[in-house]
PDB file of N, CA and C in Angstrom:
ATOM      1  N   MET A   1     140.262  18.321  62.937  1.00  0.00           N
ATOM      2  CA  MET A   1     141.268  17.540  62.147  1.00  0.00           C
ATOM      3  C   MET A   1     141.357  16.204  61.706  1.00  0.00           C
ATOM      4  N   LEU A   2     141.235  16.539  60.264  1.00  0.00           N
ATOM      5  CA  LEU A   2     140.819  15.396  58.747  1.00  0.00           C
ATOM      6  C   LEU A   2     142.225  14.464  58.714  1.00  0.00           C
ATOM      7  N   TYR A   3     142.098  13.016  58.635  1.00  0.00           N
ATOM      8  CA  TYR A   3     143.079  11.845  58.227  1.00  0.00           C
ATOM      9  C   TYR A   3     142.694  11.909  56.910  1.00  0.00           C
ATOM     10  N   LYS A   4     143.683  12.538  56.056  1.00  0.00           N
ATOM     11  CA  LYS A   4     143.729  12.174  54.477  1.00  0.00           C
ATOM     12  C   LYS A   4     144.891  11.179  54.027  1.00  0.00           C
ATOM     13  N   PHE A   5     143.847   9.990  53.908  1.00  0.00           N
ATOM     14  CA  PHE A   5     144.808   8.902  53.724  1.00  0.00           C
ATOM     15  C   PHE A   5     145.099   8.763  51.597  1.00  0.00           C
ATOM     16  N   LYS A   6     146.615   8.739  51.581  1.00  0.00           N
ATOM     17  CA  LYS A   6     146.860   8.661  49.834  1.00  0.00           C
ATOM     18  C   LYS A   6     147.497   7.809  49.530  1.00  0.00           C
ATOM     19  N   SER A   7     147.440   7.260  48.379  1.00  0.00           N
ATOM     20  CA  SER A   7     148.547   5.800  47.272  1.00  0.00           C
ATOM     21  C   SER A   7     147.757   6.088  46.314  1.00  0.00           C
ATOM     22  N   LYS A   8     149.127   6.035  45.506  1.00  0.00           N
ATOM     23  CA  LYS A   8     149.269   5.957  44.470  1.00  0.00           C
ATOM     24  C   LYS A   8     148.197   4.966  43.453  1.00  0.00           C
ATOM     25  N   ALA A   9     147.825   4.034  44.227  1.00  0.00           N
ATOM     26  CA  ALA A   9     146.894   2.782  43.822  1.00  0.00           C
ATOM     27  C   ALA A   9     145.315   3.579  43.625  1.00  0.00           C
ATOM     28  N   THR A  10     145.008   4.420  44.232  1.00  0.00           N
ATOM     29  CA  THR A  10     143.565   4.709  44.287  1.00  0.00           C
ATOM     30  C   THR A  10     143.611   6.599  44.443  1.00  0.00           C
ATOM     31  N   GLY A  11     142.334   6.922  44.615  1.00  0.00           N
ATOM     32  CA  GLY A  11     141.757   7.924  45.129  1.00  0.00           C
ATOM     33  C   GLY A  11     142.494   8.322  46.942  1.00  0.00           C
ATOM     34  N   ASP A  12     142.474   9.549  47.314  1.00  0.00           N
ATOM     35  CA  ASP A  12     142.565   9.906  48.628  1.00  0.00           C
ATOM     36  C   ASP A  12     141.136   9.282  49.120  1.00  0.00           C
ATOM     37  N   VAL A  13     140.866   9.106  50.643  1.00  0.00           N
ATOM     38  CA  VAL A  13     140.275   8.824  51.502  1.00  0.00           C
ATOM     39  C   VAL A  13     140.192   9.459  52.856  1.00  0.00           C
ATOM     40  N   ILE A  14     139.355  10.135  52.889  1.00  0.00           N
ATOM     41  CA  ILE A  14     138.733  11.617  54.159  1.00  0.00           C
ATOM     42  C   ILE A  14     138.606  11.207  55.102  1.00  0.00           C
ATOM     43  N   MET A  15     138.797  10.678  56.339  1.00  0.00           N
ATOM     44  CA  MET A  15     137.917  10.939  57.469  1.00  0.00           C
ATOM     45  C   MET A  15     138.274  11.850  58.142  1.00  0.00           C
ATOM     46  N   LEU A  16     136.641  11.893  59.173  1.00  0.00           N
ATOM     47  CA  LEU A  16     136.879  12.770  60.556  1.00  0.00           C
ATOM     48  C   LEU A  16     137.713  12.320  61.518  1.00  0.00           C
ATOM     49  N   GLU A  17     138.055  13.238  62.241  1.00  0.00           N
ATOM     50  CA  GLU A  17     139.475  12.489  63.194  1.00  0.00           C
ATOM     51  C   GLU A  17     138.740  11.344  64.453  1.00  0.00           C
ATOM     52  N   PRO A  18     137.835  11.846  64.932  1.00  0.00           N
ATOM     53  CA  PRO A  18     137.796  10.220  65.325  1.00  0.00           C
ATOM     54  C   PRO A  18     137.523   8.969  64.722  1.00  0.00           C
ATOM     55  N   GLN A  19     136.830   9.178  63.585  1.00  0.00           N
ATOM     56  CA  GLN A  19     136.596   7.693  62.773  1.00  0.00           C
ATOM     57  C   GLN A  19     138.165   7.200  62.326  1.00  0.00           C
ATOM     58  N   GLY A  20     138.925   8.380  61.784  1.00  0.00           N
ATOM     59  CA  GLY A  20     140.323   7.489  61.637  1.00  0.00           C
ATOM     60  C   GLY A  20     141.494   7.051  62.405  1.00  0.00           C
ATOM     61  N   ARG A  21     140.872   7.719  63.364  1.00  0.00           N
ATOM     62  CA  ARG A  21     141.871   7.742  64.588  1.00  0.00           C
ATOM     63  C   ARG A  21     141.661   6.146  65.421  1.00  0.00           C
ATOM     64  N   GLN A  22     139.802   5.738  64.935  1.00  0.00           N
ATOM     65  CA  GLN A  22     139.532   4.352  65.340  1.00  0.00           C
ATOM     66  C   GLN A  22     140.384   3.456  64.787  1.00  0.00           C
ATOM     67  N   ILE A  23     140.135   4.083  63.152  1.00  0.00           N
ATOM     68  CA  ILE A  23     140.502   2.919  61.984  1.00  0.00           C
ATOM     69  C   ILE A  23     142.264   3.133  62.341  1.00  0.00           C
ATOM     70  N   LEU A  24     142.983   3.377  62.736  1.00  0.00           N
ATOM     71  CA  LEU A  24     144.092   3.555  63.001  1.00  0.00           C
ATOM     72  C   LEU A  24     144.980   2.967  64.109  1.00  0.00           C
ATOM     73  N   GLN A  25     144.204   3.135  65.170  1.00  0.00           N
ATOM     74  CA  GLN A  25     144.479   2.201  66.077  1.00  0.00           C
ATOM     75  C   GLN A  25     144.044   0.790  65.908  1.00  0.00           C
ATOM     76  N   LEU A  26     142.726   0.113  65.316  1.00  0.00           N
ATOM     77  CA  LEU A  26     142.346  -1.055  65.300  1.00  0.00           C
ATOM     78  C   LEU A  26     143.402  -1.591  64.145  1.00  0.00           C
ATOM     79  N   ILE A  27     144.008  -1.300  63.223  1.00  0.00           N
ATOM     80  CA  ILE A  27     144.978  -1.473  62.735  1.00  0.00           C
ATOM     81  C   ILE A  27     146.535  -1.695  63.421  1.00  0.00           C
ATOM     82  N   GLY A  28     146.259  -1.088  64.279  1.00  0.00           N
ATOM     83  CA  GLY A  28     147.902  -0.947  65.145  1.00  0.00           C
ATOM     84  C   GLY A  28     148.958   0.055  64.943  1.00  0.00           C
ATOM     85  N   LYS A  29     148.515   1.173  64.321  1.00  0.00           N
ATOM     86  CA  LYS A  29     149.388   2.181  63.922  1.00  0.00           C
ATOM     87  C   LYS A  29     148.690   3.166  65.131  1.00  0.00           C
ATOM     88  N   SER A  30     149.528   4.325  65.310  1.00  0.00           N
ATOM     89  CA  SER A  30     149.430   5.433  65.614  1.00  0.00           C
ATOM     90  C   SER A  30     148.679   6.470  64.952  1.00  0.00           C
ATOM     91  N   PRO A  31     148.002   6.821  65.778  1.00  0.00           N
ATOM     92  CA  PRO A  31     147.045   7.901  65.373  1.00  0.00           C
ATOM     93  C   PRO A  31     147.716   9.081  65.462  1.00  0.00           C
ATOM     94  N   ASP A  32     149.107   9.573  64.701  1.00  0.00           N
ATOM     95  CA  ASP A  32     149.421  10.781  64.619  1.00  0.00           C
ATOM     96  C   ASP A  32     149.296  11.485  63.491  1.00  0.00           C
ATOM     97  N   ALA A  33     149.746  12.202  63.520  1.00  0.00           N
ATOM     98  CA  ALA A  33     149.462  13.526  62.462  1.00  0.00           C
ATOM     99  C   ALA A  33     149.879  12.515  61.119  1.00  0.00           C
ATOM    100  N   LYS A  34     150.840  12.515  60.741  1.00  0.00           N
ATOM    101  CA  LYS A  34     151.429  11.843  59.676  1.00  0.00           C
ATOM    102  C   LYS A  34     152.177   9.717  60.015  1.00  0.00           C
ATOM    103  N   GLY A  35     151.566   9.840  59.006  1.00  0.00           N
ATOM    104  CA  GLY A  35     152.276   7.748  59.083  1.00  0.00           C
ATOM    105  C   GLY A  35     152.297   7.012  57.617  1.00  0.00           C
ATOM    106  N   ILE A  36     152.747   5.641  57.872  1.00  0.00           N
ATOM    107  CA  ILE A  36     152.043   5.172  56.622  1.00  0.00           C
ATOM    108  C   ILE A  36     152.211   3.277  57.000  1.00  0.00           C
ATOM    109  N   VAL A  37     151.208   3.111  56.048  1.00  0.00           N
ATOM    110  CA  VAL A  37     150.925   1.440  56.485  1.00  0.00           C
ATOM    111  C   VAL A  37     151.889   1.110  54.828  1.00  0.00           C
ATOM    112  N   LEU A  38     152.971   0.475  55.006  1.00  0.00           N
ATOM    113  CA  LEU A  38     153.562  -0.298  54.273  1.00  0.00           C
ATOM    114  C   LEU A  38     152.603  -1.328  53.538  1.00  0.00           C
ATOM    115  N   SER A  39     153.510  -1.369  52.403  1.00  0.00           N
ATOM    116  CA  SER A  39     152.640  -2.464  51.389  1.00  0.00           C
ATOM    117  C   SER A  39     152.445  -4.384  52.201  1.00  0.00           C
ATOM    118  N   ASP A  40     153.452  -4.306  52.531  1.00  0.00           N
ATOM    119  CA  ASP A  40     153.383  -5.683  54.042  1.00  0.00           C
ATOM    120  C   ASP A  40     152.654  -5.946  54.976  1.00  0.00           C
ATOM    121  N   GLU A  41     152.639  -4.210  55.346  1.00  0.00           N
ATOM    122  CA  GLU A  41     151.403  -4.566  56.737  1.00  0.00           C
ATOM    123  C   GLU A  41     149.901  -4.870  56.079  1.00  0.00           C
ATOM    124  N   MET A  42     149.704  -4.718  55.090  1.00  0.00           N
ATOM    125  CA  MET A  42     148.411  -4.348  54.887  1.00  0.00           C
ATOM    126  C   MET A  42     147.135  -5.882  54.979  1.00  0.00           C
ATOM    127  N   PRO A  43     147.974  -6.741  54.599  1.00  0.00           N
ATOM    128  CA  PRO A  43     146.985  -7.917  54.740  1.00  0.00           C
ATOM    129  C   PRO A  43     146.743  -8.408  56.512  1.00  0.00           C
ATOM    130  N   ALA A  44     147.218  -7.917  57.378  1.00  0.00           N
ATOM    131  CA  ALA A  44     147.137  -7.948  58.401  1.00  0.00           C
ATOM    132  C   ALA A  44     146.349  -6.519  59.293  1.00  0.00           C
ATOM    133  N   ALA A  45     146.530  -5.662  58.695  1.00  0.00           N
ATOM    134  CA  ALA A  45     145.147  -4.769  58.497  1.00  0.00           C
ATOM    135  C   ALA A  45     144.321  -4.558  58.283  1.00  0.00           C
ATOM    136  N   ILE A  46     143.934  -5.484  57.012  1.00  0.00           N
ATOM    137  CA  ILE A  46     142.427  -5.719  56.183  1.00  0.00           C
ATOM    138  C   ILE A  46     142.200  -6.673  57.644  1.00  0.00           C
ATOM    139  N   GLN A  47     142.479  -7.954  57.962  1.00  0.00           N
ATOM    140  CA  GLN A  47     142.469  -8.415  59.062  1.00  0.00           C
ATOM    141  C   GLN A  47     141.834  -7.971  59.989  1.00  0.00           C
ATOM    142  N   ALA A  48     142.579  -7.251  60.217  1.00  0.00           N
ATOM    143  CA  ALA A  48     142.224  -6.504  61.668  1.00  0.00           C
ATOM    144  C   ALA A  48     140.809  -5.726  61.668  1.00  0.00           C
ATOM    145  N   LEU A  49     140.956  -4.755  60.366  1.00  0.00           N
ATOM    146  CA  LEU A  49     139.821  -4.334  60.526  1.00  0.00           C
ATOM    147  C   LEU A  49     138.421  -4.987  60.431  1.00  0.00           C
ATOM    148  N   ARG A  50     138.541  -6.345  59.443  1.00  0.00           N
ATOM    149  CA  ARG A  50     137.207  -6.928  58.965  1.00  0.00           C
ATOM    150  C   ARG A  50     137.045  -7.738  61.098  1.00  0.00           C
ATOM    151  N   GLU A  51     137.790  -8.083  61.267  1.00  0.00           N
ATOM    152  CA  GLU A  51     137.909  -8.474  62.977  1.00  0.00           C
ATOM    153  C   GLU A  51     136.786  -7.959  63.827  1.00  0.00           C
ATOM    154  N   ALA A  52     137.356  -6.500  63.444  1.00  0.00           N
ATOM    155  CA  ALA A  52     136.560  -5.728  64.188  1.00  0.00           C
ATOM    156  C   ALA A  52     134.974  -5.398  64.065  1.00  0.00           C
ATOM    157  N   VAL A  53     134.873  -5.977  62.430  1.00  0.00           N
ATOM    158  CA  VAL A  53     133.168  -5.442  62.512  1.00  0.00           C
ATOM    159  C   VAL A  53     132.804  -6.559  62.406  1.00  0.00           C
ATOM    160  N   ALA A  54     133.333  -7.689  62.576  1.00  0.00           N
ATOM    161  CA  ALA A  54     132.429  -8.865  62.567  1.00  0.00           C
ATOM    162  C   ALA A  54     132.099  -8.820  64.316  1.00  0.00           C
ATOM    163  N   GLN A  55     133.002  -7.862  65.454  1.00  0.00           N
ATOM    164  CA  GLN A  55     133.076  -8.341  66.846  1.00  0.00           C
ATOM    165  C   GLN A  55     131.702  -6.779  67.278  1.00  0.00           C
ATOM    166  N   GLU A  56     132.060  -6.072  66.497  1.00  0.00           N
ATOM    167  CA  GLU A  56     130.801  -4.859  66.394  1.00  0.00           C
ATOM    168  C   GLU A  56     129.292  -5.462  66.241  1.00  0.00           C
ATOM    169  N   GLU A  57     129.645  -6.210  64.963  1.00  0.00           N
ATOM    170  CA  GLU A  57     127.820  -7.165  64.276  1.00  0.00           C
ATOM    171  C   GLU A  57     127.838  -8.043  65.583  1.00  0.00           C
ATOM    172  N   GLU A  58     128.841  -8.624  65.735  1.00  0.00           N
ATOM    173  CA  GLU A  58     127.868  -9.174  67.131  1.00  0.00           C
ATOM    174  C   GLU A  58     127.346  -8.646  68.647  1.00  0.00           C
ATOM    175  N   ALA A  59     128.049  -7.949  68.824  1.00  0.00           N
ATOM    176  CA  ALA A  59     127.847  -6.927  69.995  1.00  0.00           C
ATOM    177  C   ALA A  59     126.472  -6.139  69.715  1.00  0.00           C
ATOM    178  N   LEU A  60     126.406  -5.783  68.328  1.00  0.00           N
ATOM    179  CA  LEU A  60     124.979  -5.182  68.122  1.00  0.00           C
ATOM    180  C   LEU A  60     123.535  -6.477  68.475  1.00  0.00           C
ATOM    181  N   ALA A  61     124.482  -7.424  67.179  1.00  0.00           N
ATOM    182  CA  ALA A  61     122.848  -8.468  67.312  1.00  0.00           C
ATOM    183  C   ALA A  61     122.337  -9.050  68.635  1.00  0.00           C
ATOM    184  N   ALA A  62     123.364  -9.238  69.452  1.00  0.00           N
ATOM    185  CA  ALA A  62     123.502  -9.765  71.021  1.00  0.00           C
ATOM    186  C   ALA A  62     122.474  -8.545  71.197  1.00  0.00           C
ATOM    187  N   ALA A  63     122.784  -7.557  71.956  1.00  0.00           N
ATOM    188  CA  ALA A  63     121.960  -5.912  72.319  1.00  0.00           C
ATOM    189  C   ALA A  63     120.390  -6.341  71.572  1.00  0.00           C
ATOM    190  N   GLU A  64     120.385  -6.158  70.675  1.00  0.00           N
ATOM    191  CA  GLU A  64     118.707  -6.239  70.004  1.00  0.00           C
ATOM    192  C   GLU A  64     118.582  -7.050  70.367  1.00  0.00           C
ATOM    193  N   HIS A  65     119.006  -8.728  70.437  1.00  0.00           N
ATOM    194  CA  HIS A  65     118.316  -9.418  71.400  1.00  0.00           C
ATOM    195  C   HIS A  65     118.130  -9.525  72.740  1.00  0.00           C
ATOM    196  N   ALA A  66     118.932  -8.862  73.215  1.00  0.00           N
ATOM    197  CA  ALA A  66     118.321  -8.497  74.448  1.00  0.00           C
ATOM    198  C   ALA A  66     117.305  -7.535  74.732  1.00  0.00           C
ATOM    199  N   GLN A  67     117.900  -6.672  74.146  1.00  0.00           N
ATOM    200  CA  GLN A  67     116.734  -5.701  73.989  1.00  0.00           C
ATOM    201  C   GLN A  67     114.894  -6.509  73.650  1.00  0.00           C
ATOM    202  N   ASN A  68     115.271  -7.141  72.686  1.00  0.00           N
ATOM    203  CA  ASN A  68     113.705  -7.852  72.312  1.00  0.00           C
ATOM    204  C   ASN A  68     113.171  -8.924  73.087  1.00  0.00           C
ATOM    205  N   SER A  69     113.998  -9.209  73.861  1.00  0.00           N
ATOM    206  CA  SER A  69     113.798 -10.280  75.235  1.00  0.00           C
ATOM    207  C   SER A  69     112.852  -9.659  76.386  1.00  0.00           C
ATOM    208  N   GLN A  70     113.473  -8.317  76.193  1.00  0.00           N
ATOM    209  CA  GLN A  70     112.850  -7.216  77.377  1.00  0.00           C
ATOM    210  C   GLN A  70     111.296  -6.608  76.920  1.00  0.00           C
ATOM    211  N   GLU A  71     110.413  -6.808  77.073  1.00  0.00           N
ATOM    212  CA  GLU A  71     109.371  -6.103  76.856  1.00  0.00           C
ATOM    213  C   GLU A  71     108.745  -4.689  77.241  1.00  0.00           C
ATOM    214  N   GLY A  72     109.399  -3.791  76.658  1.00  0.00           N
ATOM    215  CA  GLY A  72     109.110  -2.247  76.806  1.00  0.00           C
ATOM    216  C   GLY A  72     110.139  -1.890  76.918  1.00  0.00           C
ATOM    217  N   ALA A  73     111.410  -2.445  77.200  1.00  0.00           N
ATOM    218  CA  ALA A  73     112.706  -1.646  77.453  1.00  0.00           C
ATOM    219  C   ALA A  73     113.153  -1.231  76.344  1.00  0.00           C
ATOM    220  N   GLN A  74     113.439   0.390  76.800  1.00  0.00           N
ATOM    221  CA  GLN A  74     114.263   0.836  76.098  1.00  0.00           C
ATOM    222  C   GLN A  74     115.973   1.046  75.938  1.00  0.00           C
ATOM    223  N   THR A  75     116.613   0.986  75.189  1.00  0.00           N
ATOM    224  CA  THR A  75     117.860   0.958  75.887  1.00  0.00           C
ATOM    225  C   THR A  75     118.371   1.951  74.441  1.00  0.00           C
ATOM    226  N   SER A  76     120.349   1.501  74.027  1.00  0.00           N
ATOM    227  CA  SER A  76     121.332   2.556  72.729  1.00  0.00           C
ATOM    228  C   SER A  76     120.605   1.833  71.682  1.00  0.00           C
ATOM    229  N   VAL A  77     120.165   0.828  71.656  1.00  0.00           N
ATOM    230  CA  VAL A  77     120.550  -0.358  70.482  1.00  0.00           C
ATOM    231  C   VAL A  77     119.372   0.213  69.292  1.00  0.00           C
ATOM    232  N   GLN A  78     118.325   0.979  69.766  1.00  0.00           N
ATOM    233  CA  GLN A  78     117.600   1.220  68.367  1.00  0.00           C
ATOM    234  C   GLN A  78     118.402   3.028  67.891  1.00  0.00           C
ATOM    235  N   SER A  79     119.177   3.599  68.825  1.00  0.00           N
ATOM    236  CA  SER A  79     119.956   4.601  68.061  1.00  0.00           C
ATOM    237  C   SER A  79     121.204   4.323  67.293  1.00  0.00           C
ATOM    238  N   ALA A  80     121.488   2.960  67.840  1.00  0.00           N
ATOM    239  CA  ALA A  80     122.996   2.160  67.296  1.00  0.00           C
ATOM    240  C   ALA A  80     122.687   2.404  66.165  1.00  0.00           C
ATOM    241  N   SER A  81     121.516   1.302  65.640  1.00  0.00           N
ATOM    242  CA  SER A  81     120.923   0.579  64.636  1.00  0.00           C
ATOM    243  C   SER A  81     120.599   1.573  63.132  1.00  0.00           C
ATOM    244  N   GLY A  82     120.775   3.218  64.022  1.00  0.00           N
ATOM    245  CA  GLY A  82     120.321   4.431  62.817  1.00  0.00           C
ATOM    246  C   GLY A  82     121.606   4.785  62.566  1.00  0.00           C
ATOM    247  N   SER A  83     122.744   4.512  63.202  1.00  0.00           N
ATOM    248  CA  SER A  83     123.850   5.245  63.384  1.00  0.00           C
ATOM    249  C   SER A  83     124.679   4.686  62.209  1.00  0.00           C
ATOM    250  N   ILE A  84     126.078   5.239  61.812  1.00  0.00           N
ATOM    251  CA  ILE A  84     126.582   4.814  60.454  1.00  0.00           C
ATOM    252  C   ILE A  84     127.568   3.696  61.511  1.00  0.00           C
ATOM    253  N   ARG A  85     127.461   2.404  61.445  1.00  0.00           N
ATOM    254  CA  ARG A  85     128.315   1.206  61.568  1.00  0.00           C
ATOM    255  C   ARG A  85     129.918   1.531  61.197  1.00  0.00           C
ATOM    256  N   LEU A  86     130.874   0.588  61.980  1.00  0.00           N
ATOM    257  CA  LEU A  86     132.306   0.499  61.604  1.00  0.00           C
ATOM    258  C   LEU A  86     132.225  -0.314  60.205  1.00  0.00           C
ATOM    259  N   LYS A  87     131.367  -1.099  60.223  1.00  0.00           N
ATOM    260  CA  LYS A  87     131.321  -1.846  58.478  1.00  0.00           C
ATOM    261  C   LYS A  87     131.053  -0.850  57.498  1.00  0.00           C
ATOM    262  N   GLN A  88     130.575  -0.228  57.600  1.00  0.00           N
ATOM    263  CA  GLN A  88     130.236   1.511  56.745  1.00  0.00           C
ATOM    264  C   GLN A  88     131.541   1.927  56.378  1.00  0.00           C
ATOM    265  N   ARG A  89     132.265   2.290  57.603  1.00  0.00           N
ATOM    266  CA  ARG A  89     133.159   3.325  57.583  1.00  0.00           C
ATOM    267  C   ARG A  89     134.290   2.532  56.967  1.00  0.00           C
ATOM    268  N   VAL A  90     134.630   1.581  57.366  1.00  0.00           N
ATOM    269  CA  VAL A  90     136.002   0.617  56.707  1.00  0.00           C
ATOM    270  C   VAL A  90     136.107   0.228  55.427  1.00  0.00           C
ATOM    271  N   VAL A  91     135.109   0.109  54.892  1.00  0.00           N
ATOM    272  CA  VAL A  91     134.566  -0.344  53.547  1.00  0.00           C
ATOM    273  C   VAL A  91     135.969   0.742  52.605  1.00  0.00           C
ATOM    274  N   PRO A  92     135.781   1.559  52.397  1.00  0.00           N
ATOM    275  CA  PRO A  92     136.561   2.833  51.499  1.00  0.00           C
ATOM    276  C   PRO A  92     138.181   2.279  51.868  1.00  0.00           C
ATOM    277  N   PHE A  93     138.542   2.162  53.112  1.00  0.00           N
ATOM    278  CA  PHE A  93     139.678   1.888  53.557  1.00  0.00           C
ATOM    279  C   PHE A  93     140.259   0.932  53.451  1.00  0.00           C
ATOM    280  N   ILE A  94     139.552  -0.400  53.168  1.00  0.00           N
ATOM    281  CA  ILE A  94     139.826  -1.571  53.128  1.00  0.00           C
ATOM    282  C   ILE A  94     140.204  -2.015  51.412  1.00  0.00           C
ATOM    283  N   ASP A  95     139.204  -1.147  51.003  1.00  0.00           N
ATOM    284  CA  ASP A  95     138.934  -0.979  49.207  1.00  0.00           C
ATOM    285  C   ASP A  95     140.800  -0.556  49.055  1.00  0.00           C
ATOM    286  N   MET A  96     140.950   0.526  49.282  1.00  0.00           N
ATOM    287  CA  MET A  96     142.392   1.234  49.393  1.00  0.00           C
ATOM    288  C   MET A  96     143.316   0.381  49.515  1.00  0.00           C
ATOM    289  N   LEU A  97     143.465  -0.367  50.607  1.00  0.00           N
ATOM    290  CA  LEU A  97     144.472  -1.389  51.317  1.00  0.00           C
ATOM    291  C   LEU A  97     144.597  -2.532  50.193  1.00  0.00           C
ATOM    292  N   GLN A  98     143.358  -3.234  49.962  1.00  0.00           N
ATOM    293  CA  GLN A  98     143.793  -4.421  49.225  1.00  0.00           C
ATOM    294  C   GLN A  98     144.038  -3.724  47.281  1.00  0.00           C
ATOM    295  N   ARG A  99     144.077  -2.650  46.831  1.00  0.00           N
ATOM    296  CA  ARG A  99     144.538  -2.280  45.392  1.00  0.00           C
ATOM    297  C   ARG A  99     145.551  -1.449  46.032  1.00  0.00           C
ATOM    298  N   ALA A 100     146.244  -0.938  46.969  1.00  0.00           N
ATOM    299  CA  ALA A 100     147.250  -0.673  46.957  1.00  0.00           C
ATOM    300  C   ALA A 100     148.613  -1.717  47.818  1.00  0.00           C
ATOM    301  N   HIS A 101     148.171  -2.780  48.149  1.00  0.00           N
ATOM    302  CA  HIS A 101     148.890  -4.145  48.168  1.00  0.00           C
ATOM    303  C   HIS A 101     148.647  -4.439  46.791  1.00  0.00           C
ATOM    304  N   ARG A 102     147.942  -4.903  45.904  1.00  0.00           N
ATOM    305  CA  ARG A 102     148.195  -5.414  44.981  1.00  0.00           C
ATOM    306  C   ARG A 102     149.072  -4.592  43.607  1.00  0.00           C
ATOM    307  N   GLU A 103     149.249  -3.151  43.967  1.00  0.00           N
ATOM    308  CA  GLU A 103     149.794  -2.797  43.417  1.00  0.00           C
ATOM    309  C   GLU A 103     151.082  -2.631  44.318  1.00  0.00           C
ATOM    310  N   ASN A 104     151.396  -2.842  45.007  1.00  0.00           N
ATOM    311  CA  ASN A 104     152.986  -3.123  45.961  1.00  0.00           C
ATOM    312  C   ASN A 104     153.449  -1.587  46.548  1.00  0.00           C
ATOM    313  N   VAL A 105     152.189  -0.557  47.102  1.00  0.00           N
ATOM    314  CA  VAL A 105     152.457   0.782  47.249  1.00  0.00           C
ATOM    315  C   VAL A 105     151.837   0.598  48.177  1.00  0.00           C
ATOM    316  N   ASP A 106     152.464   2.035  48.775  1.00  0.00           N
ATOM    317  CA  ASP A 106     152.396   2.169  50.360  1.00  0.00           C
ATOM    318  C   ASP A 106     150.895   3.304  50.730  1.00  0.00           C
ATOM    319  N   VAL A 107     150.456   3.473  51.698  1.00  0.00           N
ATOM    320  CA  VAL A 107     149.520   4.169  51.913  1.00  0.00           C
ATOM    321  C   VAL A 107     149.673   5.189  52.955  1.00  0.00           C
ATOM    322  N   VAL A 108     149.512   6.455  52.890  1.00  0.00           N
ATOM    323  CA  VAL A 108     150.143   7.450  53.967  1.00  0.00           C
ATOM    324  C   VAL A 108     149.194   8.511  54.097  1.00  0.00           C
ATOM    325  N   TRP A 109     150.016   9.384  55.448  1.00  0.00           N
ATOM    326  CA  TRP A 109     148.461   9.942  55.988  1.00  0.00           C
ATOM    327  C   TRP A 109     149.339  11.637  56.173  1.00  0.00           C
ATOM    328  N   GLY A 110     148.620  12.462  56.033  1.00  0.00           N
ATOM    329  CA  GLY A 110     149.313  13.921  56.810  1.00  0.00           C
ATOM    330  C   GLY A 110     150.615  14.000  55.859  1.00  0.00           C
ATOM    331  N   VAL A 111     151.070  13.636  54.448  1.00  0.00           N
ATOM    332  CA  VAL A 111     152.066  13.777  53.909  1.00  0.00           C
ATOM    333  C   VAL A 111     151.540  14.972  52.668  1.00  0.00           C
TER     334      VAL A 111
END
């Protein structure tokens, strides 16, 4: 399944199901097949996404520090550092929310 987020203020943002579900849950929305983010909900959604990114970055930094502290220890931090982080995934969605909020339009998916 794909999530296709639409707004009159921007082009569409398309995400695979796991990433779309994660982002919707982070902003307090049910990851149903159809939904809406109202313009007045967008500042809180943007803040929630930014906080989630900060938490992930802190956790990765702590894990990297712990790994560097243990000589020769191999952990999943190396593989995580090569993967796409939440920070990279949310940028287009945050941009969509910001632009939609400025124009006072909603963001919908599944319609």
